[in-house]
């Protein structure tokens, strides 16, 4: 069974398989994913975050692109924001 917490690693030729259910509810800490990437010395081509944008953000923008797919009205401090609902 796939762990819903991630991180998920895929190569460009591998199919993307995600868990059937992912639960959430606000108060997300966004800092740990950036810390983990730095600790592992990883620089993704793109980081894609599905979120309600309710949580704690890293103070400065990373040196790779970040796209926030947001359901809700909370702002994001940097990166590209795509609104998923009205």
PDB file of N, CA and C in Angstrom:
ATOM      1  N   UNK A   1       0.843  -1.198   0.000  1.00  0.00           N
ATOM      2  CA  UNK A   1       0.000   0.000   0.000  1.00  0.00           C
ATOM      3  C   UNK A   1       0.877   1.247   0.000  1.00  0.00           C
ATOM      4  N   UNK A   2       0.503   2.216  -0.787  1.00  0.00           N
ATOM      5  CA  UNK A   2       1.248   3.462  -0.910  1.00  0.00           C
ATOM      6  C   UNK A   2       1.017   4.336   0.319  1.00  0.00           C
ATOM      7  N   UNK A   3       2.076   4.875   0.880  1.00  0.00           N
ATOM      8  CA  UNK A   3       1.990   5.757   2.039  1.00  0.00           C
ATOM      9  C   UNK A   3       1.490   7.127   1.593  1.00  0.00           C
ATOM     10  N   UNK A   4       0.363   7.576   2.139  1.00  0.00           N
ATOM     11  CA  UNK A   4      -0.248   8.846   1.731  1.00  0.00           C
ATOM     12  C   UNK A   4       0.580  10.057   2.144  1.00  0.00           C
ATOM     13  N   UNK A   5       1.511   9.885   3.068  1.00  0.00           N
ATOM     14  CA  UNK A   5       2.284  11.029   3.542  1.00  0.00           C
ATOM     15  C   UNK A   5       3.364  11.452   2.569  1.00  0.00           C
ATOM     16  N   UNK A   6       3.761  10.571   1.660  1.00  0.00           N
ATOM     17  CA  UNK A   6       4.836  10.901   0.744  1.00  0.00           C
ATOM     18  C   UNK A   6       6.164  10.894   1.479  1.00  0.00           C
ATOM     19  N   UNK A   7       7.230  11.358   0.942  1.00  0.00           N
ATOM     20  CA  UNK A   7       7.304  11.872  -0.421  1.00  0.00           C
ATOM     21  C   UNK A   7       7.222  10.744  -1.441  1.00  0.00           C
ATOM     22  N   UNK A   8       6.784  11.086  -2.628  1.00  0.00           N
ATOM     23  CA  UNK A   8       6.694  10.121  -3.713  1.00  0.00           C
ATOM     24  C   UNK A   8       7.731  10.486  -4.759  1.00  0.00           C
ATOM     25  N   UNK A   9       8.498   9.530  -5.190  1.00  0.00           N
ATOM     26  CA  UNK A   9       9.530   9.740  -6.205  1.00  0.00           C
ATOM     27  C   UNK A   9       9.140   8.974  -7.462  1.00  0.00           C
ATOM     28  N   UNK A  10       9.197   9.641  -8.576  1.00  0.00           N
ATOM     29  CA  UNK A  10       8.887   9.008  -9.852  1.00  0.00           C
ATOM     30  C   UNK A  10       9.885   9.464 -10.898  1.00  0.00           C
ATOM     31  N   UNK A  11      10.219   8.577 -11.783  1.00  0.00           N
ATOM     32  CA  UNK A  11      11.014   8.914 -12.959  1.00  0.00           C
ATOM     33  C   UNK A  11      10.035   9.258 -14.078  1.00  0.00           C
ATOM     34  N   UNK A  12      10.499   9.972 -15.077  1.00  0.00           N
ATOM     35  CA  UNK A  12       9.596  10.439 -16.135  1.00  0.00           C
ATOM     36  C   UNK A  12       8.899   9.294 -16.864  1.00  0.00           C
ATOM     37  N   UNK A  13       9.477   8.112 -16.876  1.00  0.00           N
ATOM     38  CA  UNK A  13       8.882   6.973 -17.576  1.00  0.00           C
ATOM     39  C   UNK A  13       7.983   6.118 -16.674  1.00  0.00           C
ATOM     40  N   UNK A  14       7.912   6.414 -15.384  1.00  0.00           N
ATOM     41  CA  UNK A  14       7.099   5.625 -14.468  1.00  0.00           C
ATOM     42  C   UNK A  14       5.696   6.207 -14.358  1.00  0.00           C
ATOM     43  N   UNK A  15       4.688   5.355 -14.202  1.00  0.00           N
ATOM     44  CA  UNK A  15       3.326   5.881 -14.000  1.00  0.00           C
ATOM     45  C   UNK A  15       3.202   6.531 -12.625  1.00  0.00           C
ATOM     46  N   UNK A  16       2.434   7.587 -12.554  1.00  0.00           N
ATOM     47  CA  UNK A  16       2.169   8.268 -11.286  1.00  0.00           C
ATOM     48  C   UNK A  16       1.024   7.554 -10.592  1.00  0.00           C
ATOM     49  N   UNK A  17       1.289   7.024  -9.410  1.00  0.00           N
ATOM     50  CA  UNK A  17       0.274   6.327  -8.626  1.00  0.00           C
ATOM     51  C   UNK A  17       0.189   7.032  -7.272  1.00  0.00           C
ATOM     52  N   UNK A  18      -0.984   7.521  -6.936  1.00  0.00           N
ATOM     53  CA  UNK A  18      -1.179   8.198  -5.650  1.00  0.00           C
ATOM     54  C   UNK A  18      -2.203   7.422  -4.829  1.00  0.00           C
ATOM     55  N   UNK A  19      -2.200   7.619  -3.520  1.00  0.00           N
ATOM     56  CA  UNK A  19      -3.164   6.900  -2.679  1.00  0.00           C
ATOM     57  C   UNK A  19      -4.605   7.280  -3.013  1.00  0.00           C
ATOM     58  N   UNK A  20      -5.534   6.373  -2.741  1.00  0.00           N
ATOM     59  CA  UNK A  20      -6.946   6.618  -2.998  1.00  0.00           C
ATOM     60  C   UNK A  20      -7.520   7.728  -2.147  1.00  0.00           C
ATOM     61  N   UNK A  21      -7.027   7.873  -0.925  1.00  0.00           N
ATOM     62  CA  UNK A  21      -7.531   8.920  -0.020  1.00  0.00           C
ATOM     63  C   UNK A  21      -6.363   9.653   0.615  1.00  0.00           C
ATOM     64  N   UNK A  22      -6.476  10.964   0.636  1.00  0.00           N
ATOM     65  CA  UNK A  22      -5.525  11.808   1.347  1.00  0.00           C
ATOM     66  C   UNK A  22      -6.348  12.723   2.234  1.00  0.00           C
ATOM     67  N   UNK A  23      -6.048  12.724   3.514  1.00  0.00           N
ATOM     68  CA  UNK A  23      -6.835  13.514   4.466  1.00  0.00           C
ATOM     69  C   UNK A  23      -6.065  14.756   4.888  1.00  0.00           C
ATOM     70  N   UNK A  24      -6.777  15.786   5.202  1.00  0.00           N
ATOM     71  CA  UNK A  24      -6.166  17.021   5.663  1.00  0.00           C
ATOM     72  C   UNK A  24      -7.195  17.849   6.395  1.00  0.00           C
ATOM     73  N   UNK A  25      -6.858  19.098   6.661  1.00  0.00           N
ATOM     74  CA  UNK A  25      -7.814  19.940   7.344  1.00  0.00           C
ATOM     75  C   UNK A  25      -7.234  21.215   7.883  1.00  0.00           C
ATOM     76  N   UNK A  26      -6.232  21.768   7.218  1.00  0.00           N
ATOM     77  CA  UNK A  26      -5.678  23.038   7.654  1.00  0.00           C
ATOM     78  C   UNK A  26      -4.562  22.879   8.664  1.00  0.00           C
ATOM     79  N   UNK A  27      -3.818  23.962   8.849  1.00  0.00           N
ATOM     80  CA  UNK A  27      -2.724  23.953   9.803  1.00  0.00           C
ATOM     81  C   UNK A  27      -1.497  23.211   9.315  1.00  0.00           C
ATOM     82  N   UNK A  28      -1.326  23.137   8.023  1.00  0.00           N
ATOM     83  CA  UNK A  28      -0.204  22.409   7.434  1.00  0.00           C
ATOM     84  C   UNK A  28       1.100  23.138   7.683  1.00  0.00           C
ATOM     85  N   UNK A  29       2.139  22.390   7.996  1.00  0.00           N
ATOM     86  CA  UNK A  29       3.482  22.932   8.073  1.00  0.00           C
ATOM     87  C   UNK A  29       4.162  22.717   6.735  1.00  0.00           C
ATOM     88  N   UNK A  30       4.365  23.768   5.963  1.00  0.00           N
ATOM     89  CA  UNK A  30       4.997  23.637   4.656  1.00  0.00           C
ATOM     90  C   UNK A  30       6.517  23.645   4.750  1.00  0.00           C
ATOM     91  N   UNK A  31       7.074  24.071   5.849  1.00  0.00           N
ATOM     92  CA  UNK A  31       8.527  24.167   6.017  1.00  0.00           C
ATOM     93  C   UNK A  31       9.210  22.799   5.926  1.00  0.00           C
ATOM     94  N   UNK A  32       8.678  21.730   6.542  1.00  0.00           N
ATOM     95  CA  UNK A  32       9.392  20.444   6.525  1.00  0.00           C
ATOM     96  C   UNK A  32       9.729  19.908   5.138  1.00  0.00           C
ATOM     97  N   UNK A  33       8.873  20.102   4.163  1.00  0.00           N
ATOM     98  CA  UNK A  33       9.189  19.580   2.826  1.00  0.00           C
ATOM     99  C   UNK A  33      10.398  20.291   2.235  1.00  0.00           C
ATOM    100  N   UNK A  34      10.523  21.578   2.473  1.00  0.00           N
ATOM    101  CA  UNK A  34      11.676  22.325   1.973  1.00  0.00           C
ATOM    102  C   UNK A  34      12.937  21.951   2.746  1.00  0.00           C
ATOM    103  N   UNK A  35      12.807  21.738   4.053  1.00  0.00           N
ATOM    104  CA  UNK A  35      13.941  21.278   4.856  1.00  0.00           C
ATOM    105  C   UNK A  35      14.409  19.907   4.384  1.00  0.00           C
ATOM    106  N   UNK A  36      13.446  19.000   4.097  1.00  0.00           N
ATOM    107  CA  UNK A  36      13.778  17.656   3.648  1.00  0.00           C
ATOM    108  C   UNK A  36      14.503  17.696   2.302  1.00  0.00           C
ATOM    109  N   UNK A  37      14.017  18.527   1.382  1.00  0.00           N
ATOM    110  CA  UNK A  37      14.677  18.657   0.087  1.00  0.00           C
ATOM    111  C   UNK A  37      16.114  19.147   0.249  1.00  0.00           C
ATOM    112  N   UNK A  38      16.321  20.135   1.114  1.00  0.00           N
ATOM    113  CA  UNK A  38      17.666  20.663   1.355  1.00  0.00           C
ATOM    114  C   UNK A  38      18.557  19.608   2.015  1.00  0.00           C
ATOM    115  N   UNK A  39      18.012  18.905   2.988  1.00  0.00           N
ATOM    116  CA  UNK A  39      18.765  17.871   3.707  1.00  0.00           C
ATOM    117  C   UNK A  39      19.213  16.753   2.760  1.00  0.00           C
ATOM    118  N   UNK A  40      18.353  16.388   1.822  1.00  0.00           N
ATOM    119  CA  UNK A  40      18.665  15.329   0.845  1.00  0.00           C
ATOM    120  C   UNK A  40      19.409  15.858  -0.368  1.00  0.00           C
ATOM    121  N   UNK A  41      19.684  17.172  -0.363  1.00  0.00           N
ATOM    122  CA  UNK A  41      20.368  17.831  -1.478  1.00  0.00           C
ATOM    123  C   UNK A  41      19.639  17.604  -2.803  1.00  0.00           C
ATOM    124  N   UNK A  42      18.333  17.751  -2.730  1.00  0.00           N
ATOM    125  CA  UNK A  42      17.489  17.606  -3.910  1.00  0.00           C
ATOM    126  C   UNK A  42      17.011  18.972  -4.379  1.00  0.00           C
ATOM    127  N   UNK A  43      17.049  19.166  -5.678  1.00  0.00           N
ATOM    128  CA  UNK A  43      16.507  20.385  -6.270  1.00  0.00           C
ATOM    129  C   UNK A  43      15.542  19.950  -7.364  1.00  0.00           C
ATOM    130  N   UNK A  44      14.250  19.908  -7.047  1.00  0.00           N
ATOM    131  CA  UNK A  44      13.287  19.447  -8.053  1.00  0.00           C
ATOM    132  C   UNK A  44      13.162  20.438  -9.207  1.00  0.00           C
ATOM    133  N   UNK A  45      12.732  19.916 -10.336  1.00  0.00           N
ATOM    134  CA  UNK A  45      12.418  20.789 -11.468  1.00  0.00           C
ATOM    135  C   UNK A  45      11.191  21.621 -11.156  1.00  0.00           C
ATOM    136  N   UNK A  46      10.318  21.060 -10.314  1.00  0.00           N
ATOM    137  CA  UNK A  46       9.076  21.725  -9.926  1.00  0.00           C
ATOM    138  C   UNK A  46       8.538  21.052  -8.678  1.00  0.00           C
ATOM    139  N   UNK A  47       8.021  21.840  -7.742  1.00  0.00           N
ATOM    140  CA  UNK A  47       7.315  21.298  -6.579  1.00  0.00           C
ATOM    141  C   UNK A  47       5.860  21.711  -6.713  1.00  0.00           C
ATOM    142  N   UNK A  48       4.972  20.729  -6.720  1.00  0.00           N
ATOM    143  CA  UNK A  48       3.544  20.953  -6.891  1.00  0.00           C
ATOM    144  C   UNK A  48       2.856  20.625  -5.575  1.00  0.00           C
ATOM    145  N   UNK A  49       2.141  21.603  -5.006  1.00  0.00           N
ATOM    146  CA  UNK A  49       1.488  21.427  -3.702  1.00  0.00           C
ATOM    147  C   UNK A  49      -0.015  21.608  -3.836  1.00  0.00           C
ATOM    148  N   UNK A  50      -0.782  20.585  -3.476  1.00  0.00           N
ATOM    149  CA  UNK A  50      -2.233  20.684  -3.382  1.00  0.00           C
ATOM    150  C   UNK A  50      -2.537  21.094  -1.953  1.00  0.00           C
ATOM    151  N   UNK A  51      -3.272  22.192  -1.743  1.00  0.00           N
ATOM    152  CA  UNK A  51      -3.421  22.732  -0.397  1.00  0.00           C
ATOM    153  C   UNK A  51      -4.624  23.651  -0.280  1.00  0.00           C
ATOM    154  N   UNK A  52      -4.995  23.933   0.968  1.00  0.00           N
ATOM    155  CA  UNK A  52      -5.951  25.001   1.227  1.00  0.00           C
ATOM    156  C   UNK A  52      -5.201  26.281   1.603  1.00  0.00           C
ATOM    157  N   UNK A  53      -3.859  26.204   1.617  1.00  0.00           N
ATOM    158  CA  UNK A  53      -2.951  27.321   1.928  1.00  0.00           C
ATOM    159  C   UNK A  53      -3.100  27.824   3.352  1.00  0.00           C
ATOM    160  N   UNK A  54      -3.671  27.021   4.216  1.00  0.00           N
ATOM    161  CA  UNK A  54      -3.782  27.361   5.636  1.00  0.00           C
ATOM    162  C   UNK A  54      -2.628  26.681   6.362  1.00  0.00           C
ATOM    163  N   UNK A  55      -1.601  27.438   6.701  1.00  0.00           N
ATOM    164  CA  UNK A  55      -0.473  26.825   7.378  1.00  0.00           C
ATOM    165  C   UNK A  55       0.719  27.740   7.477  1.00  0.00           C
ATOM    166  N   UNK A  56       1.841  27.157   7.887  1.00  0.00           N
ATOM    167  CA  UNK A  56       3.084  27.896   8.083  1.00  0.00           C
ATOM    168  C   UNK A  56       3.987  27.713   6.871  1.00  0.00           C
ATOM    169  N   UNK A  57       4.359  28.839   6.263  1.00  0.00           N
ATOM    170  CA  UNK A  57       5.194  28.824   5.068  1.00  0.00           C
ATOM    171  C   UNK A  57       6.632  29.155   5.415  1.00  0.00           C
ATOM    172  N   UNK A  58       7.517  28.703   4.573  1.00  0.00           N
ATOM    173  CA  UNK A  58       8.923  29.063   4.651  1.00  0.00           C
ATOM    174  C   UNK A  58       9.029  30.560   4.342  1.00  0.00           C
ATOM    175  N   UNK A  59       9.951  31.245   4.999  1.00  0.00           N
ATOM    176  CA  UNK A  59      10.073  32.696   4.828  1.00  0.00           C
ATOM    177  C   UNK A  59      10.539  33.107   3.439  1.00  0.00           C
ATOM    178  N   UNK A  60      11.516  32.379   2.902  1.00  0.00           N
ATOM    179  CA  UNK A  60      12.015  32.824   1.594  1.00  0.00           C
ATOM    180  C   UNK A  60      11.723  31.777   0.518  1.00  0.00           C
ATOM    181  N   UNK A  61      11.565  32.269  -0.678  1.00  0.00           N
ATOM    182  CA  UNK A  61      11.249  31.434  -1.827  1.00  0.00           C
ATOM    183  C   UNK A  61      12.448  30.558  -2.190  1.00  0.00           C
ATOM    184  N   UNK A  62      12.224  29.288  -2.511  1.00  0.00           N
ATOM    185  CA  UNK A  62      13.348  28.434  -2.914  1.00  0.00           C
ATOM    186  C   UNK A  62      13.830  28.799  -4.321  1.00  0.00           C
ATOM    187  N   UNK A  63      14.944  28.195  -4.732  1.00  0.00           N
ATOM    188  CA  UNK A  63      15.504  28.492  -6.049  1.00  0.00           C
ATOM    189  C   UNK A  63      14.994  27.530  -7.131  1.00  0.00           C
ATOM    190  N   UNK A  64      13.813  26.970  -6.911  1.00  0.00           N
ATOM    191  CA  UNK A  64      13.137  26.147  -7.909  1.00  0.00           C
ATOM    192  C   UNK A  64      11.672  26.554  -7.925  1.00  0.00           C
ATOM    193  N   UNK A  65      10.974  26.305  -9.028  1.00  0.00           N
ATOM    194  CA  UNK A  65       9.575  26.735  -9.112  1.00  0.00           C
ATOM    195  C   UNK A  65       8.648  25.931  -8.207  1.00  0.00           C
ATOM    196  N   UNK A  66       7.693  26.643  -7.634  1.00  0.00           N
ATOM    197  CA  UNK A  66       6.669  26.028  -6.782  1.00  0.00           C
ATOM    198  C   UNK A  66       5.308  26.472  -7.307  1.00  0.00           C
ATOM    199  N   UNK A  67       4.430  25.502  -7.516  1.00  0.00           N
ATOM    200  CA  UNK A  67       3.054  25.792  -7.907  1.00  0.00           C
ATOM    201  C   UNK A  67       2.148  25.332  -6.783  1.00  0.00           C
ATOM    202  N   UNK A  68       1.298  26.233  -6.328  1.00  0.00           N
ATOM    203  CA  UNK A  68       0.320  25.940  -5.279  1.00  0.00           C
ATOM    204  C   UNK A  68      -1.048  25.776  -5.936  1.00  0.00           C
ATOM    205  N   UNK A  69      -1.622  24.598  -5.871  1.00  0.00           N
ATOM    206  CA  UNK A  69      -2.982  24.358  -6.339  1.00  0.00           C
ATOM    207  C   UNK A  69      -3.872  24.526  -5.120  1.00  0.00           C
ATOM    208  N   UNK A  70      -4.606  25.631  -5.057  1.00  0.00           N
ATOM    209  CA  UNK A  70      -5.277  26.035  -3.818  1.00  0.00           C
ATOM    210  C   UNK A  70      -6.791  25.895  -3.925  1.00  0.00           C
ATOM    211  N   UNK A  71      -7.342  25.197  -2.958  1.00  0.00           N
ATOM    212  CA  UNK A  71      -8.795  25.149  -2.769  1.00  0.00           C
ATOM    213  C   UNK A  71      -9.071  25.958  -1.513  1.00  0.00           C
ATOM    214  N   UNK A  72      -9.623  27.119  -1.686  1.00  0.00           N
ATOM    215  CA  UNK A  72      -9.841  28.037  -0.582  1.00  0.00           C
ATOM    216  C   UNK A  72      -9.371  29.425  -0.964  1.00  0.00           C
ATOM    217  N   UNK A  73      -9.407  30.334  -0.012  1.00  0.00           N
ATOM    218  CA  UNK A  73      -9.086  31.737  -0.301  1.00  0.00           C
ATOM    219  C   UNK A  73      -7.800  32.230   0.351  1.00  0.00           C
ATOM    220  N   UNK A  74      -7.128  31.407   1.125  1.00  0.00           N
ATOM    221  CA  UNK A  74      -5.907  31.855   1.803  1.00  0.00           C
ATOM    222  C   UNK A  74      -4.815  32.172   0.777  1.00  0.00           C
ATOM    223  N   UNK A  75      -4.012  33.198   1.046  1.00  0.00           N
ATOM    224  CA  UNK A  75      -2.948  33.571   0.123  1.00  0.00           C
ATOM    225  C   UNK A  75      -1.725  32.663   0.271  1.00  0.00           C
ATOM    226  N   UNK A  76      -0.867  32.676  -0.730  1.00  0.00           N
ATOM    227  CA  UNK A  76       0.444  32.033  -0.651  1.00  0.00           C
ATOM    228  C   UNK A  76       1.485  33.142  -0.751  1.00  0.00           C
ATOM    229  N   UNK A  77       2.622  33.026  -0.050  1.00  0.00           N
ATOM    230  CA  UNK A  77       3.580  34.125  -0.015  1.00  0.00           C
ATOM    231  C   UNK A  77       4.444  34.271  -1.255  1.00  0.00           C
ATOM    232  N   UNK A  78       4.613  33.223  -2.033  1.00  0.00           N
ATOM    233  CA  UNK A  78       5.445  33.237  -3.228  1.00  0.00           C
ATOM    234  C   UNK A  78       5.107  32.010  -4.065  1.00  0.00           C
ATOM    235  N   UNK A  79       5.653  31.959  -5.248  1.00  0.00           N
ATOM    236  CA  UNK A  79       5.354  30.863  -6.160  1.00  0.00           C
ATOM    237  C   UNK A  79       4.118  31.182  -6.996  1.00  0.00           C
ATOM    238  N   UNK A  80       3.768  30.260  -7.847  1.00  0.00           N
ATOM    239  CA  UNK A  80       2.598  30.403  -8.726  1.00  0.00           C
ATOM    240  C   UNK A  80       1.383  29.782  -8.052  1.00  0.00           C
ATOM    241  N   UNK A  81       0.302  30.543  -7.966  1.00  0.00           N
ATOM    242  CA  UNK A  81      -0.928  30.068  -7.343  1.00  0.00           C
ATOM    243  C   UNK A  81      -1.966  29.788  -8.418  1.00  0.00           C
ATOM    244  N   UNK A  82      -2.596  28.596  -8.350  1.00  0.00           N
ATOM    245  CA  UNK A  82      -3.689  28.251  -9.251  1.00  0.00           C
ATOM    246  C   UNK A  82      -4.896  27.956  -8.380  1.00  0.00           C
ATOM    247  N   UNK A  83      -5.973  28.706  -8.597  1.00  0.00           N
ATOM    248  CA  UNK A  83      -7.204  28.562  -7.812  1.00  0.00           C
ATOM    249  C   UNK A  83      -8.009  27.374  -8.321  1.00  0.00           C
ATOM    250  N   UNK A  84      -8.358  26.456  -7.434  1.00  0.00           N
ATOM    251  CA  UNK A  84      -9.093  25.258  -7.829  1.00  0.00           C
ATOM    252  C   UNK A  84     -10.608  25.396  -7.711  1.00  0.00           C
ATOM    253  N   UNK A  85     -11.080  26.393  -7.008  1.00  0.00           N
ATOM    254  CA  UNK A  85     -12.527  26.582  -6.873  1.00  0.00           C
ATOM    255  C   UNK A  85     -12.849  28.072  -6.918  1.00  0.00           C
ATOM    256  N   UNK A  86     -14.129  28.399  -6.937  1.00  0.00           N
ATOM    257  CA  UNK A  86     -14.555  29.800  -6.980  1.00  0.00           C
ATOM    258  C   UNK A  86     -14.264  30.523  -5.693  1.00  0.00           C
TER     259      UNK A  86
END
